[in-house]
Protein backbone atom coordinates (compact mmCIF):
# COMPACT_ATOMS: atom_id res chain seq x y z
CA UNK A 1 -1.38 -29.07 5.77
CA UNK A 2 -0.86 -25.82 7.30
CA UNK A 3 -4.16 -23.46 8.09
CA UNK A 4 -4.42 -19.35 7.75
CA UNK A 5 -7.17 -17.09 7.43
CA UNK A 6 -9.44 -15.24 4.89
CA UNK A 7 -11.30 -12.20 5.13
CA UNK A 8 -15.22 -12.94 5.14
CA UNK A 9 -18.12 -10.77 5.01
CA UNK A 10 -21.54 -11.60 6.35
CA UNK A 11 -22.50 -7.76 5.20
CA UNK A 12 -21.49 -4.29 4.32
CA UNK A 13 -20.71 -3.02 7.80
CA UNK A 14 -16.97 -3.18 6.78
CA UNK A 15 -16.96 -0.89 3.96
CA UNK A 16 -18.72 1.65 6.48
CA UNK A 17 -16.88 1.05 9.60
CA UNK A 18 -12.57 0.88 8.07
CA UNK A 19 -10.90 3.30 5.68
CA UNK A 20 -10.00 0.56 3.56
CA UNK A 21 -11.79 -2.83 4.04
CA UNK A 22 -9.95 -6.04 2.87
CA UNK A 23 -11.39 -7.98 -0.28
CA UNK A 24 -13.41 -10.90 0.71
CA UNK A 25 -11.64 -14.17 0.52
CA UNK A 26 -8.03 -12.38 1.23
CA UNK A 27 -5.52 -14.15 3.56
CA UNK A 28 -5.35 -11.95 6.58
CA UNK A 29 -2.86 -11.64 9.70
CA UNK A 30 -3.77 -9.95 12.68
CA UNK A 31 -1.34 -6.96 11.67
CA UNK A 32 -1.20 -5.49 15.32
CA UNK A 33 2.52 -4.36 14.30
CA UNK A 34 0.39 -1.25 12.83
CA UNK A 35 -0.65 0.30 15.76
CA UNK A 36 2.88 -0.50 17.97
CA UNK A 37 3.68 3.62 18.08
CA UNK A 38 -0.34 4.51 18.67
CA UNK A 39 -1.46 6.41 21.71
CA UNK A 40 -4.91 7.42 22.88
CA UNK A 41 -4.95 10.58 20.34
CA UNK A 42 -4.58 8.10 17.58
CA UNK A 43 -8.02 6.15 18.51
CA UNK A 44 -10.65 8.18 16.58
CA UNK A 45 -13.43 7.21 14.27
CA UNK A 46 -12.52 4.52 11.47
CA UNK A 47 -8.80 4.30 12.59
CA UNK A 48 -9.96 3.14 16.05
CA UNK A 49 -12.67 0.62 14.99
CA UNK A 50 -9.15 -0.62 12.66
CA UNK A 51 -7.25 -0.88 16.30
CA UNK A 52 -10.03 -2.38 17.97
CA UNK A 53 -11.30 -5.09 15.51
CA UNK A 54 -9.31 -5.25 12.29
CA UNK A 55 -7.59 -8.23 10.73
CA UNK A 56 -5.52 -7.17 8.11
CA UNK A 57 -5.83 -8.42 4.86
CA UNK A 58 -1.85 -9.18 2.63
CA UNK A 59 -2.95 -8.21 -0.67
CA UNK A 60 -5.12 -4.88 -0.19
CA UNK A 61 -3.73 -4.10 3.48
CA UNK A 62 -7.26 -3.16 3.99
CA UNK A 63 -9.03 -4.48 7.55
CA UNK A 64 -11.62 -7.07 7.99
CA UNK A 65 -13.76 -7.74 11.26
CA UNK A 66 -14.02 -11.62 10.53
CA UNK A 67 -11.15 -14.47 9.35
CA UNK A 68 -12.32 -17.70 8.22
CA UNK A 69 -9.91 -20.57 9.27
CA UNK A 70 -9.08 -22.54 5.88
CA UNK A 71 -5.49 -24.66 4.24
CA UNK A 72 -2.79 -22.74 2.72
CA UNK A 73 -0.76 -24.12 -0.10
CA UNK A 74 3.24 -23.48 0.18
CA UNK A 75 3.13 -21.30 -2.73
CA UNK A 76 0.79 -19.12 -1.27
CA UNK A 77 1.86 -18.80 2.21
CA UNK A 78 5.52 -17.61 0.26
CA UNK A 79 3.49 -15.15 -1.74
CA UNK A 80 2.03 -13.51 1.42
CA UNK A 81 5.60 -13.65 2.78
CA UNK A 82 6.78 -11.93 0.07
CA UNK A 83 3.89 -8.94 -0.27
CA UNK A 84 4.02 -8.45 3.52
CA UNK A 85 8.10 -8.04 3.58
CA UNK A 86 7.15 -5.51 0.27
CA UNK A 87 4.56 -3.46 2.76
CA UNK A 88 7.24 -3.03 4.73
CA UNK A 89 9.51 -1.44 2.52
CA UNK A 90 6.78 0.91 0.99
CA UNK A 91 5.13 1.85 3.98
CA UNK A 92 7.50 1.07 7.53
CA UNK A 93 10.79 1.82 5.95
CA UNK A 94 12.70 -1.43 5.88
CA UNK A 95 15.74 -1.25 4.15
CA UNK A 96 15.13 -3.93 1.63
CA UNK A 97 12.42 -6.47 0.87
CA UNK A 98 15.07 -9.41 2.00
CA UNK A 99 15.83 -7.84 5.06
CA UNK A 100 11.96 -7.19 6.12
CA UNK A 101 10.80 -10.97 4.83
CA UNK A 102 12.16 -12.93 8.26
CA UNK A 103 9.66 -10.44 10.09
CA UNK A 104 7.06 -11.16 7.51
CA UNK A 105 7.23 -15.07 7.95
CA UNK A 106 7.17 -14.48 11.47
CA UNK A 107 4.40 -12.39 11.40
CA UNK A 108 2.44 -14.93 9.16
CA UNK A 109 4.05 -17.74 11.30
CA UNK A 110 2.05 -16.17 14.45
CA UNK A 111 -1.27 -16.17 11.96
CA UNK A 112 -0.87 -19.76 11.43
CA UNK A 113 0.24 -20.76 15.26
CA UNK A 114 -3.58 -18.95 16.11
CA UNK A 115 -5.33 -21.28 13.42
CA UNK A 116 -3.50 -24.48 13.49
CA UNK A 117 -5.87 -26.26 16.20
CA UNK A 118 -9.23 -24.75 14.44
CA UNK A 119 -11.23 -26.38 12.33
CA UNK A 120 -11.95 -25.25 8.92
CA UNK A 121 -14.34 -22.75 8.65
CA UNK A 122 -13.87 -21.51 12.14
CA UNK A 123 -14.12 -17.63 12.56
CA UNK A 124 -12.25 -15.55 14.63
CA UNK A 125 -12.16 -12.07 15.63
CA UNK A 126 -9.82 -9.93 17.23
CA UNK A 127 -10.15 -7.49 20.18
CA UNK A 128 -6.97 -4.69 20.89
CA UNK A 129 -6.69 -2.43 23.57
CA UNK A 130 -3.86 0.11 24.54
CA UNK A 131 -1.82 -0.97 27.77
CA UNK A 132 0.91 -0.10 29.81
CA UNK A 133 2.88 -2.21 28.17
CA UNK A 134 1.21 -1.83 24.50
CA UNK A 135 -1.03 -3.25 22.25
CA UNK A 136 -2.83 -5.91 24.11
CA UNK A 137 -4.46 -8.50 21.33
CA UNK A 138 -7.52 -11.35 22.54
CA UNK A 139 -8.68 -13.51 19.90
CA UNK A 140 -12.35 -14.71 20.07
CA UNK A 141 -13.26 -18.22 18.50
CA UNK A 142 -16.67 -18.99 16.64
CA UNK A 143 -16.96 -22.91 15.76
CA UNK A 144 -18.74 -23.54 12.34
CA UNK A 145 -21.68 -25.12 14.72
CA UNK A 146 -21.87 -21.76 16.35
CA UNK A 147 -21.92 -19.71 13.10
CA UNK A 148 -24.96 -21.78 11.86
CA UNK A 149 -27.48 -21.59 14.66
CA UNK A 150 -26.66 -17.75 15.13
CA UNK A 151 -27.22 -17.20 11.20
CA UNK A 152 -30.51 -19.44 11.88
CA UNK A 153 -31.43 -17.05 15.04
CA UNK A 154 -30.72 -13.76 12.90
CA UNK A 155 -32.27 -14.67 9.67
CA UNK A 156 -35.59 -16.55 11.04
CA UNK A 157 -37.06 -19.40 12.62
CA UNK A 158 -37.67 -23.66 11.83
CA UNK A 159 -41.43 -22.71 11.58
CA UNK A 160 -40.81 -21.05 7.52
């Protein structure tokens, strides 16, 4: 069974920090390709936040801070690849959906590889920075156990 990650929100912050927030539950990929031609001058305000910490939803093409690993069906994978290929044609000038499909599948495979070793409900974050050689991405893994502990620490005590 293959795994991918879905957008997850703990609060309303993504609505405030991204120009276009991803929808809760939509499938996501890194989406670092969006920043391949960026320089320091592009990194301002909400665009900077999308660059620094945003996963890319493959339905709305909005950004999200946290994604959760979960299983994905083959039919869903094919739909995501189709959506992404169409996005490449519409926004990046790919000559056709057919021509863009391979690139879309590679992006999705990269995300699936990132998710495959993690248990369902593991949270992932991304941190990007511009380096001499281009965009550098680093990923942080937050296990389901850590998530429960953090939620407890933030939302109350055992004495309630």
